[in-house]
Amino acid sequence: MDAKQQGTMKKTTVAILFFILLTSTVVAQQGYFGIQNSQRKGMINALMNPAELNQFSKKVEVSFFAADAALSNNVLTFRDILDDPDQFETIFQGISEPANVRTDFSILGPSVGVRVDKWSFGFTSQLKGKADIIDFNPDLGDAIVVNSSAGGDNQTGLNIPYNQRLNAIGWMELGLMAGTSIINSDLHGLSVGGHFKLLLPGTYANIGLDQIQATLVNEADQISLTDASGSLNLSYDERWNNSNGTALEQNLWRHLSPNGFALDLGVSYQLKSFGRTFLNSGLSVRNLGRMTAPQDQFTRNYTMNIPQNEFFRIDNLEGDFDEIEQQLVESGYFTVERELSQTKIRLPRLLAAYVEFSPFSTFQVSLYAQKRLTDENRNQYLSGPDLLVLTPRLILGKLELYSPWMQHQIAGLSGGFGLQYGGFFIGSHSLITGLIADSKRADFHAGLSWGFGRND
């Protein structure tokens, strides 16, 4: 590789890393936090807890659309970017913990719910997508950036005893809901509900680097690995090879086909006073299920073993995936295992609890907590955030003003603002902290629904 080619590769590597960490432009699993605690109960509330299907404000609720997009990271705030837009070549210096980025996107399509006596039923349609960086080691990141931008000789030792991942997926969900009211008196209410979802995966990609120990050597005209061991999981849809340059966000939802199931379960309790709900609380378990990647999924597991004082040049790797794999195997430093079974993708199993306290008809405060029950470091497991959300709300007839304050597993504390008028809502969990340029999260949610008919 000549100096011009190496310079191009260095610039490209830095650009790709910059893109992955900070411009994943779409995009928490059903992240309508804040709006889901509205006193006007509709399909958004039922998505977060299917038992809320029994608390609809109207006999029939129709959701025309709702959208949620969020980007969270633990590396940079907006102020960091504004203060030094050219800092990306030193982005990993001074970081003591693994870098994480979570991007999630969901669209709620036409959905409807209806109450029939003590029973409630619903239909939902959703389109979802994720693109995440999970526990990316800052020493490895700094080595990539330094070795891609520096011209001198240097080497970096790596000791990463955990699995770090980059993955992306798009899928669709078609769901049927059912719920029933067990107790409904002047003082108490108790309801249960379930949401059965048919999963239609589009395409899925995962890169997992596990138990990496190596020395990365950068010399004047080459980049090599020595004294290296570890494993690599690579999984992607082979149809991407024939996409003719189609963008990633378009590839994620190509060729949707039914190939999985999931279940949400929930219970809710109401304490009533003077003809209105004084306290509403709920508990739900979501995403009990998995989906299977399409037949075109390419999955390989590579094991690396490069002895000390022997070197493998990674800057010489070129060609398509098959050609690169052949170069790895022929080097004698890598072995490959081809998975014959289909790739099973497991949804992030979530346990959620909330309480809504309404001391006055014009004021409400709610607390929502969510805990992930699965290990997101494992290959083929999707991520889901641990979080806590406190939302005060001012209620002026059909107009509701709310301000969600979120403690997020990745991004830390963020605060936002939103409004709802009837069935229309728009808001953000990070607007306030974003305006003062001190937030590691950016998000947006909006939707429109309509309810009609009186509940008996």
Protein backbone atom coordinates (compact mmCIF):
# COMPACT_ATOMS: atom_id res chain seq x y z
CA MET A 1 0.00 0.00 0.00
CA ASP A 2 1.55 3.33 -1.08
CA ALA A 3 1.51 6.51 0.98
CA LYS A 4 -1.42 8.00 -0.91
CA GLN A 5 -3.57 4.90 -0.43
CA GLN A 6 -2.63 4.69 3.25
CA GLY A 7 -3.52 8.34 3.74
CA THR A 8 -6.90 7.75 2.14
CA MET A 9 -7.50 4.74 4.38
CA LYS A 10 -6.59 6.74 7.48
CA LYS A 11 -9.02 9.53 6.62
CA THR A 12 -11.74 7.02 5.81
CA THR A 13 -11.28 5.18 9.12
CA VAL A 14 -11.61 8.38 11.14
CA ALA A 15 -14.64 9.44 9.12
CA ILE A 16 -16.37 6.08 9.62
CA LEU A 17 -15.70 6.15 13.36
CA PHE A 18 -17.02 9.70 13.57
CA PHE A 19 -20.16 8.68 11.66
CA ILE A 20 -20.85 5.65 13.83
CA LEU A 21 -20.43 7.43 17.14
CA LEU A 22 -22.19 10.70 16.49
CA THR A 23 -24.37 10.77 13.38
CA SER A 24 -26.54 7.70 13.65
CA THR A 25 -29.36 9.99 12.64
CA VAL A 26 -32.41 7.92 13.47
CA VAL A 27 -33.28 7.12 16.42
CA ALA A 28 -35.93 3.75 23.17
CA GLN A 29 -37.86 0.80 22.66
CA GLN A 30 -41.38 2.25 22.62
CA GLY A 31 -39.95 5.42 24.15
CA TYR A 32 -43.14 7.42 24.67
CA PHE A 33 -42.13 8.13 28.26
CA GLY A 34 -44.01 11.10 29.63
CA ILE A 35 -46.88 10.97 27.18
CA GLN A 36 -47.70 7.41 28.20
CA ASN A 37 -48.69 8.70 31.66
CA SER A 38 -51.26 11.11 30.26
CA GLN A 39 -54.69 11.14 31.88
CA ARG A 40 -56.10 10.61 28.39
CA LYS A 41 -55.65 6.87 27.95
CA GLY A 42 -55.18 5.53 24.43
CA MET A 43 -53.15 3.09 22.35
CA ILE A 44 -49.80 4.58 23.44
CA ASN A 45 -50.64 3.71 27.05
CA ALA A 46 -51.65 0.17 26.03
CA LEU A 47 -48.33 -0.31 24.21
CA MET A 48 -46.42 0.41 27.41
CA ASN A 49 -48.76 -1.78 29.49
CA PRO A 50 -51.52 -3.83 27.80
CA ALA A 51 -53.59 -3.68 31.01
CA GLU A 52 -54.17 0.02 30.24
CA LEU A 53 -56.35 -1.17 27.37
CA ASN A 54 -59.11 -1.31 30.00
CA GLN A 55 -58.65 2.34 31.02
CA PHE A 56 -59.45 4.00 27.68
CA SER A 57 -60.92 7.48 27.92
CA LYS A 58 -63.34 6.58 25.12
CA LYS A 59 -65.08 3.38 24.08
CA VAL A 60 -63.08 3.26 20.83
CA GLU A 61 -59.54 4.58 20.40
CA VAL A 62 -57.94 4.92 16.97
CA SER A 63 -54.25 5.81 16.60
CA PHE A 64 -53.50 7.21 13.17
CA PHE A 65 -49.75 7.44 13.72
CA ALA A 66 -47.07 7.98 16.35
CA ALA A 67 -43.31 8.22 15.95
CA ASP A 68 -40.38 8.12 18.34
CA ALA A 69 -36.70 8.63 17.53
CA ALA A 70 -33.79 8.83 19.99
CA LEU A 71 -29.99 8.97 20.02
CA SER A 72 -28.13 8.44 23.31
CA ASN A 73 -24.39 8.24 23.98
CA ASN A 74 -22.00 8.46 26.93
CA VAL A 75 -19.08 10.11 25.13
CA LEU A 76 -19.96 13.67 24.12
CA THR A 77 -22.49 16.33 25.08
CA PHE A 78 -23.76 18.95 22.67
CA ARG A 79 -21.56 21.48 24.47
CA ASP A 80 -18.47 19.34 23.76
CA ILE A 81 -19.29 19.38 20.05
CA LEU A 82 -20.00 23.12 19.99
CA ASP A 83 -16.81 23.97 21.92
CA ASP A 84 -14.50 21.85 19.76
CA PRO A 85 -15.98 20.51 16.50
CA ASP A 86 -12.54 19.16 15.46
CA GLN A 87 -11.91 16.99 18.51
CA PHE A 88 -12.72 13.63 16.93
CA GLU A 89 -9.10 12.52 16.50
CA THR A 90 -8.76 12.68 20.31
CA ILE A 91 -12.31 11.58 21.08
CA PHE A 92 -11.30 8.49 23.11
CA GLN A 93 -8.52 10.12 25.12
CA GLY A 94 -9.52 10.62 28.73
CA ILE A 95 -12.46 8.19 28.52
CA SER A 96 -12.25 5.63 31.31
CA GLU A 97 -15.35 3.55 30.51
CA PRO A 98 -16.54 1.75 27.36
CA ALA A 99 -18.19 3.94 24.74
CA ASN A 100 -21.88 3.32 24.10
CA VAL A 101 -24.31 4.64 21.52
CA ARG A 102 -27.98 3.68 21.31
CA THR A 103 -30.18 4.69 18.40
CA ASP A 104 -33.80 3.56 18.31
CA PHE A 105 -36.64 4.35 15.97
CA SER A 106 -40.29 3.31 15.95
CA ILE A 107 -43.41 4.23 14.03
CA LEU A 108 -46.84 3.21 15.29
CA GLY A 109 -49.03 2.68 12.25
CA PRO A 110 -52.81 2.41 12.15
CA SER A 111 -53.92 0.85 15.44
CA VAL A 112 -57.28 0.53 17.16
CA GLY A 113 -58.70 -0.51 20.53
CA VAL A 114 -62.28 -1.03 21.68
CA ARG A 115 -64.00 -1.74 25.00
CA VAL A 116 -66.82 -4.31 25.16
CA ASP A 117 -68.34 -4.53 28.65
CA LYS A 118 -65.55 -5.78 30.95
CA TRP A 119 -63.32 -6.75 28.03
CA SER A 120 -61.09 -4.72 25.75
CA PHE A 121 -59.48 -5.67 22.45
CA GLY A 122 -56.94 -4.04 20.18
CA PHE A 123 -54.85 -4.28 17.03
CA THR A 124 -51.43 -2.66 16.59
CA SER A 125 -48.91 -2.19 13.78
CA GLN A 126 -45.38 -0.92 14.34
CA LEU A 127 -42.18 -0.46 12.36
CA LYS A 128 -38.94 -0.47 14.38
CA GLY A 129 -35.22 -0.07 13.87
CA LYS A 130 -32.05 -0.04 15.98
CA ALA A 131 -28.38 0.70 15.42
CA ASP A 132 -26.16 0.36 18.50
CA ILE A 133 -22.57 0.44 19.68
CA ILE A 134 -22.32 -1.62 22.87
CA ASP A 135 -19.32 -1.30 25.23
CA PHE A 136 -16.77 -0.24 22.60
CA ASN A 137 -13.38 -0.21 24.31
CA PRO A 138 -11.82 3.29 24.36
CA ASP A 139 -8.27 1.89 24.15
CA LEU A 140 -9.19 0.11 20.92
CA GLY A 141 -10.95 3.22 19.65
CA ASP A 142 -7.97 5.42 20.44
CA ALA A 143 -5.64 2.92 18.78
CA ILE A 144 -7.75 2.97 15.62
CA VAL A 145 -7.90 6.76 15.51
CA VAL A 146 -4.22 7.28 16.39
CA ASN A 147 -3.00 4.61 14.00
CA SER A 148 -5.26 6.05 11.31
CA SER A 149 -4.12 9.65 11.70
CA ALA A 150 -0.55 9.55 12.98
CA GLY A 151 2.36 9.24 10.61
CA GLY A 152 5.01 7.91 12.99
CA ASP A 153 5.73 4.50 14.47
CA ASN A 154 3.83 3.42 17.59
CA GLN A 155 2.15 0.43 19.16
CA THR A 156 -0.80 -0.09 21.48
CA GLY A 157 -1.51 -2.96 23.86
CA LEU A 158 -5.12 -4.15 24.08
CA ASN A 159 -6.69 -6.22 26.87
CA ILE A 160 -10.48 -6.33 26.49
CA PRO A 161 -12.04 -9.15 28.58
CA TYR A 162 -15.64 -8.64 27.42
CA ASN A 163 -17.70 -8.72 24.23
CA GLN A 164 -18.08 -5.40 22.43
CA ARG A 165 -20.65 -5.12 19.69
CA LEU A 166 -21.93 -3.10 16.77
CA ASN A 167 -25.34 -4.13 15.46
CA ALA A 168 -28.29 -2.93 13.44
CA ILE A 169 -31.74 -4.36 12.73
CA GLY A 170 -35.10 -3.42 11.29
CA TRP A 171 -38.37 -5.24 11.87
CA MET A 172 -42.15 -4.91 11.94
CA GLU A 173 -44.68 -5.96 14.58
CA LEU A 174 -48.36 -6.79 14.10
CA GLY A 175 -50.13 -7.26 17.42
CA LEU A 176 -53.41 -8.38 18.95
CA MET A 177 -54.34 -7.13 22.41
CA ALA A 178 -56.85 -8.32 24.96
CA GLY A 179 -57.59 -7.20 28.50
CA THR A 180 -60.24 -7.48 31.14
CA SER A 181 -61.31 -5.59 34.24
CA ILE A 182 -61.24 -7.80 37.34
CA ILE A 183 -62.34 -5.16 39.86
CA ASN A 184 -64.14 -1.93 39.03
CA SER A 185 -65.74 -0.28 42.06
CA ASP A 186 -66.11 3.29 43.28
CA LEU A 187 -62.84 2.94 45.22
CA HIS A 188 -60.69 0.42 43.38
CA GLY A 189 -59.90 -0.85 39.92
CA LEU A 190 -57.79 -3.84 38.86
CA SER A 191 -57.12 -4.89 35.27
CA VAL A 192 -54.91 -7.32 33.39
CA GLY A 193 -53.94 -7.47 29.74
CA GLY A 194 -51.77 -9.13 27.15
CA HIS A 195 -50.28 -8.17 23.78
CA PHE A 196 -49.42 -10.96 21.34
CA LYS A 197 -47.09 -9.79 18.56
CA LEU A 198 -46.20 -11.33 15.22
CA LEU A 199 -42.63 -10.30 14.34
CA LEU A 200 -41.51 -9.66 10.76
CA PRO A 201 -37.70 -9.24 10.67
CA GLY A 202 -36.16 -7.31 7.83
CA THR A 203 -32.38 -7.49 7.89
CA TYR A 204 -29.91 -7.87 10.76
CA ALA A 205 -26.20 -7.24 11.19
CA ASN A 206 -23.86 -7.84 14.14
CA ILE A 207 -20.14 -7.54 14.81
CA GLY A 208 -18.97 -8.91 18.15
CA LEU A 209 -15.35 -8.73 19.37
CA ASP A 210 -14.86 -10.91 22.44
CA GLN A 211 -11.87 -11.49 24.77
CA ILE A 212 -9.46 -9.43 22.65
CA GLN A 213 -5.81 -9.39 23.76
CA ALA A 214 -3.38 -8.00 21.20
CA THR A 215 -0.66 -5.53 20.33
CA LEU A 216 -1.51 -3.18 17.47
CA VAL A 217 1.63 -1.99 15.68
CA ASN A 218 1.67 1.04 13.38
CA GLU A 219 4.78 1.56 11.28
CA ALA A 220 5.45 4.03 8.51
CA ASP A 221 3.68 2.06 5.80
CA GLN A 222 1.76 -0.74 7.53
CA ILE A 223 -0.54 -1.67 10.42
CA SER A 224 -0.13 -5.10 12.02
CA LEU A 225 -1.33 -7.30 14.87
CA THR A 226 0.98 -9.41 17.02
CA ASP A 227 0.69 -11.46 20.23
CA ALA A 228 -3.06 -11.51 19.61
CA SER A 229 -5.99 -13.72 20.59
CA GLY A 230 -9.77 -13.39 20.68
CA SER A 231 -12.90 -14.11 18.70
CA LEU A 232 -15.08 -12.31 16.18
CA ASN A 233 -18.76 -12.90 15.45
CA LEU A 234 -19.88 -11.58 12.07
CA SER A 235 -23.50 -11.80 10.98
CA TYR A 236 -25.20 -9.93 8.15
CA ASP A 237 -27.79 -10.34 5.41
CA GLU A 238 -26.09 -11.50 2.20
CA ARG A 239 -28.63 -9.51 0.20
CA TRP A 240 -26.71 -6.41 1.28
CA ASN A 241 -23.98 -7.49 -1.14
CA ASN A 242 -26.43 -6.93 -3.98
CA SER A 243 -28.00 -3.72 -2.72
CA ASN A 244 -26.28 -1.56 -5.37
CA GLY A 245 -25.30 1.00 -2.76
CA THR A 246 -28.72 1.24 -1.16
CA ALA A 247 -28.52 3.12 2.14
CA LEU A 248 -28.48 1.23 5.44
CA GLU A 249 -31.77 2.71 6.62
CA GLN A 250 -33.47 1.38 3.47
CA ASN A 251 -31.86 -2.05 3.74
CA LEU A 252 -33.09 -2.57 7.31
CA TRP A 253 -36.73 -2.94 6.28
CA ARG A 254 -36.32 -4.81 3.00
CA HIS A 255 -37.98 -8.20 2.52
CA LEU A 256 -40.03 -8.19 5.74
CA SER A 257 -41.42 -11.67 6.39
CA PRO A 258 -43.19 -13.22 9.44
CA ASN A 259 -40.69 -15.23 11.45
CA GLY A 260 -41.14 -14.76 15.19
CA PHE A 261 -43.47 -14.07 18.09
CA ALA A 262 -43.39 -11.98 21.26
CA LEU A 263 -45.67 -11.36 24.22
CA ASP A 264 -46.26 -8.45 26.59
CA LEU A 265 -48.12 -8.94 29.88
CA GLY A 266 -49.37 -6.29 32.29
CA VAL A 267 -51.47 -5.47 35.33
CA SER A 268 -52.77 -2.09 36.49
CA TYR A 269 -54.41 -0.83 39.69
CA GLN A 270 -56.44 2.33 40.31
CA LEU A 271 -57.32 4.03 43.58
CA LYS A 272 -60.32 6.30 43.14
CA SER A 273 -61.65 9.25 45.09
CA PHE A 274 -64.64 11.55 44.51
CA GLY A 275 -65.44 10.06 41.13
CA ARG A 276 -61.96 10.28 39.63
CA THR A 277 -58.74 8.27 39.61
CA PHE A 278 -56.52 9.51 42.43
CA LEU A 279 -53.69 7.03 41.84
CA ASN A 280 -52.94 4.79 38.86
CA SER A 281 -50.13 2.22 38.94
CA GLY A 282 -48.98 -0.61 36.73
CA LEU A 283 -46.48 -3.40 36.19
CA SER A 284 -45.58 -4.98 32.85
CA VAL A 285 -43.16 -7.46 31.33
CA ARG A 286 -42.47 -6.81 27.66
CA ASN A 287 -40.77 -8.55 24.75
CA LEU A 288 -41.05 -12.18 25.85
CA GLY A 289 -39.97 -13.68 22.54
CA ARG A 290 -37.56 -13.79 19.64
CA MET A 291 -37.42 -13.74 15.86
CA THR A 292 -35.42 -15.67 13.29
CA ALA A 293 -33.28 -13.92 10.71
CA PRO A 294 -34.03 -14.63 7.03
CA GLN A 295 -32.51 -17.60 5.19
CA ASP A 296 -29.99 -15.27 3.55
CA GLN A 297 -28.27 -14.53 6.86
CA PHE A 298 -24.48 -14.99 6.77
CA THR A 299 -23.05 -15.89 10.21
CA ARG A 300 -19.42 -16.76 10.92
CA ASN A 301 -17.35 -17.09 14.10
CA TYR A 302 -13.62 -16.41 13.76
CA THR A 303 -10.96 -17.34 16.31
CA MET A 304 -7.66 -15.41 16.23
CA ASN A 305 -4.29 -16.68 17.49
CA ILE A 306 -1.20 -14.71 16.46
CA PRO A 307 1.98 -15.67 18.40
CA GLN A 308 4.37 -13.15 19.85
CA ASN A 309 6.97 -11.86 17.36
CA GLU A 310 4.76 -12.90 14.43
CA PHE A 311 2.81 -10.23 12.59
CA PHE A 312 -0.39 -10.09 10.55
CA ARG A 313 -0.90 -7.01 8.40
CA ILE A 314 -4.50 -5.84 8.60
CA ASP A 315 -3.93 -3.00 6.14
CA ASN A 316 -3.48 -5.59 3.37
CA LEU A 317 -7.04 -6.90 3.74
CA GLU A 318 -9.09 -6.00 0.68
CA GLY A 319 -11.92 -7.30 -1.48
CA ASP A 320 -15.40 -8.51 -0.58
CA PHE A 321 -16.27 -10.54 2.54
CA ASP A 322 -15.46 -13.89 0.94
CA GLU A 323 -12.08 -12.67 -0.28
CA ILE A 324 -11.20 -11.18 3.12
CA GLU A 325 -12.23 -14.42 4.84
CA GLN A 326 -9.98 -16.39 2.49
CA GLN A 327 -7.05 -14.10 3.31
CA LEU A 328 -7.65 -14.56 7.05
CA VAL A 329 -7.81 -18.35 6.85
CA GLU A 330 -4.83 -18.65 4.50
CA SER A 331 -2.70 -16.65 6.94
CA GLY A 332 -2.89 -19.54 9.43
CA TYR A 333 -3.71 -17.16 12.28
CA PHE A 334 -7.50 -17.46 12.00
CA THR A 335 -9.97 -20.33 12.07
CA VAL A 336 -13.57 -19.99 10.96
CA GLU A 337 -16.76 -21.74 12.07
CA ARG A 338 -19.82 -21.41 9.85
CA GLU A 339 -23.14 -21.54 11.69
CA LEU A 340 -25.54 -23.90 9.94
CA SER A 341 -28.60 -23.12 12.08
CA GLN A 342 -30.66 -19.99 11.53
CA THR A 343 -29.82 -16.88 13.55
CA LYS A 344 -32.18 -16.39 16.50
CA ILE A 345 -32.53 -12.72 17.49
CA ARG A 346 -33.79 -12.13 21.02
CA LEU A 347 -35.72 -9.01 21.93
CA PRO A 348 -34.71 -6.99 25.02
CA ARG A 349 -36.88 -8.38 27.82
CA LEU A 350 -38.02 -5.44 29.96
CA LEU A 351 -39.63 -5.15 33.39
CA ALA A 352 -41.45 -1.84 33.87
CA ALA A 353 -43.35 -0.29 36.77
CA TYR A 354 -44.99 3.10 37.16
CA VAL A 355 -47.23 5.16 39.42
CA GLU A 356 -49.31 8.23 38.52
CA PHE A 357 -50.38 10.49 41.39
CA SER A 358 -53.11 13.10 40.79
CA PRO A 359 -53.68 15.15 43.99
CA PHE A 360 -55.65 17.76 42.02
CA SER A 361 -57.62 17.64 38.81
CA THR A 362 -55.17 20.10 37.25
CA PHE A 363 -51.89 18.48 38.33
CA GLN A 364 -50.30 15.06 38.08
CA VAL A 365 -46.85 13.64 38.74
CA SER A 366 -45.74 10.23 37.51
CA LEU A 367 -42.72 8.00 38.07
CA TYR A 368 -41.74 5.32 35.54
CA ALA A 369 -38.94 2.75 36.01
CA GLN A 370 -37.64 0.21 33.50
CA LYS A 371 -35.11 -2.62 33.93
CA ARG A 372 -33.61 -4.82 31.23
CA LEU A 373 -33.64 -8.54 32.12
CA THR A 374 -31.33 -9.82 29.35
CA ASP A 375 -27.57 -9.49 28.71
CA GLU A 376 -27.02 -7.07 25.82
CA ASN A 377 -23.34 -8.05 25.53
CA ARG A 378 -24.32 -11.45 24.12
CA ASN A 379 -24.38 -11.78 20.36
CA GLN A 380 -27.89 -11.95 18.87
CA TYR A 381 -29.43 -10.13 21.87
CA LEU A 382 -30.90 -6.69 21.24
CA SER A 383 -30.28 -3.85 23.68
CA GLY A 384 -32.79 -2.08 25.91
CA PRO A 385 -32.08 0.72 28.40
CA ASP A 386 -32.41 0.81 32.18
CA LEU A 387 -34.04 4.12 33.05
CA LEU A 388 -36.06 6.18 35.51
CA VAL A 389 -38.43 8.96 34.39
CA LEU A 390 -40.12 11.60 36.57
CA THR A 391 -42.85 13.61 34.81
CA PRO A 392 -44.84 16.49 36.31
CA ARG A 393 -47.92 17.44 34.27
CA LEU A 394 -50.25 20.46 34.17
CA ILE A 395 -53.78 19.63 33.00
CA LEU A 396 -55.94 22.41 31.55
CA GLY A 397 -58.95 20.63 30.11
CA LYS A 398 -57.93 19.00 26.82
CA LEU A 399 -54.52 20.69 26.99
CA GLU A 400 -51.76 18.95 28.94
CA LEU A 401 -48.23 20.30 29.44
CA TYR A 402 -45.60 17.84 30.67
CA SER A 403 -41.88 17.85 31.42
CA PRO A 404 -40.20 14.41 31.53
CA TRP A 405 -36.88 14.13 33.38
CA MET A 406 -35.00 10.94 32.59
CA GLN A 407 -32.04 9.17 34.16
CA HIS A 408 -30.84 6.98 31.28
CA GLN A 409 -28.42 4.05 31.54
CA ILE A 410 -26.23 5.46 28.75
CA ALA A 411 -26.85 9.20 28.50
CA GLY A 412 -27.37 10.06 32.17
CA LEU A 413 -29.77 12.88 33.10
CA SER A 414 -31.85 14.68 30.48
CA GLY A 415 -34.94 16.87 30.72
CA GLY A 416 -37.54 17.82 28.17
CA PHE A 417 -40.93 19.30 27.46
CA GLY A 418 -44.08 18.33 25.59
CA LEU A 419 -47.70 19.15 25.08
CA GLN A 420 -50.85 17.23 24.30
CA TYR A 421 -54.15 18.56 23.05
CA GLY A 422 -56.82 15.91 22.80
CA GLY A 423 -55.35 13.09 20.73
CA PHE A 424 -52.40 15.11 19.36
CA PHE A 425 -49.06 15.18 21.18
CA ILE A 426 -45.54 16.36 20.48
CA GLY A 427 -42.52 16.48 22.77
CA SER A 428 -39.01 15.50 23.73
CA HIS A 429 -37.26 14.01 26.76
CA SER A 430 -34.15 16.13 26.14
CA LEU A 431 -35.31 19.52 24.84
CA ILE A 432 -34.46 21.53 27.96
CA THR A 433 -31.00 20.04 28.57
CA GLY A 434 -30.37 20.16 24.82
CA LEU A 435 -31.08 23.90 24.68
CA ILE A 436 -28.49 24.53 27.36
CA ALA A 437 -26.09 22.32 25.35
CA ASP A 438 -25.50 19.92 28.22
CA SER A 439 -27.13 16.68 27.07
CA LYS A 440 -25.86 13.38 25.71
CA ARG A 441 -29.30 12.51 24.36
CA ALA A 442 -31.45 13.80 21.52
CA ASP A 443 -34.98 12.56 20.93
CA PHE A 444 -38.39 13.43 19.56
CA HIS A 445 -41.90 11.96 19.74
CA ALA A 446 -45.22 12.91 18.19
CA GLY A 447 -48.54 11.32 17.37
CA LEU A 448 -52.22 11.69 16.55
CA SER A 449 -55.18 9.64 17.74
CA TRP A 450 -58.94 9.94 18.00
CA GLY A 451 -61.41 8.52 20.48
CA PHE A 452 -65.16 8.30 20.35
CA GLY A 453 -68.04 6.68 22.21
CA ARG A 454 -68.80 6.82 25.93
CA ASN A 455 -67.55 4.23 28.36
CA ASP A 456 -70.47 2.74 30.27
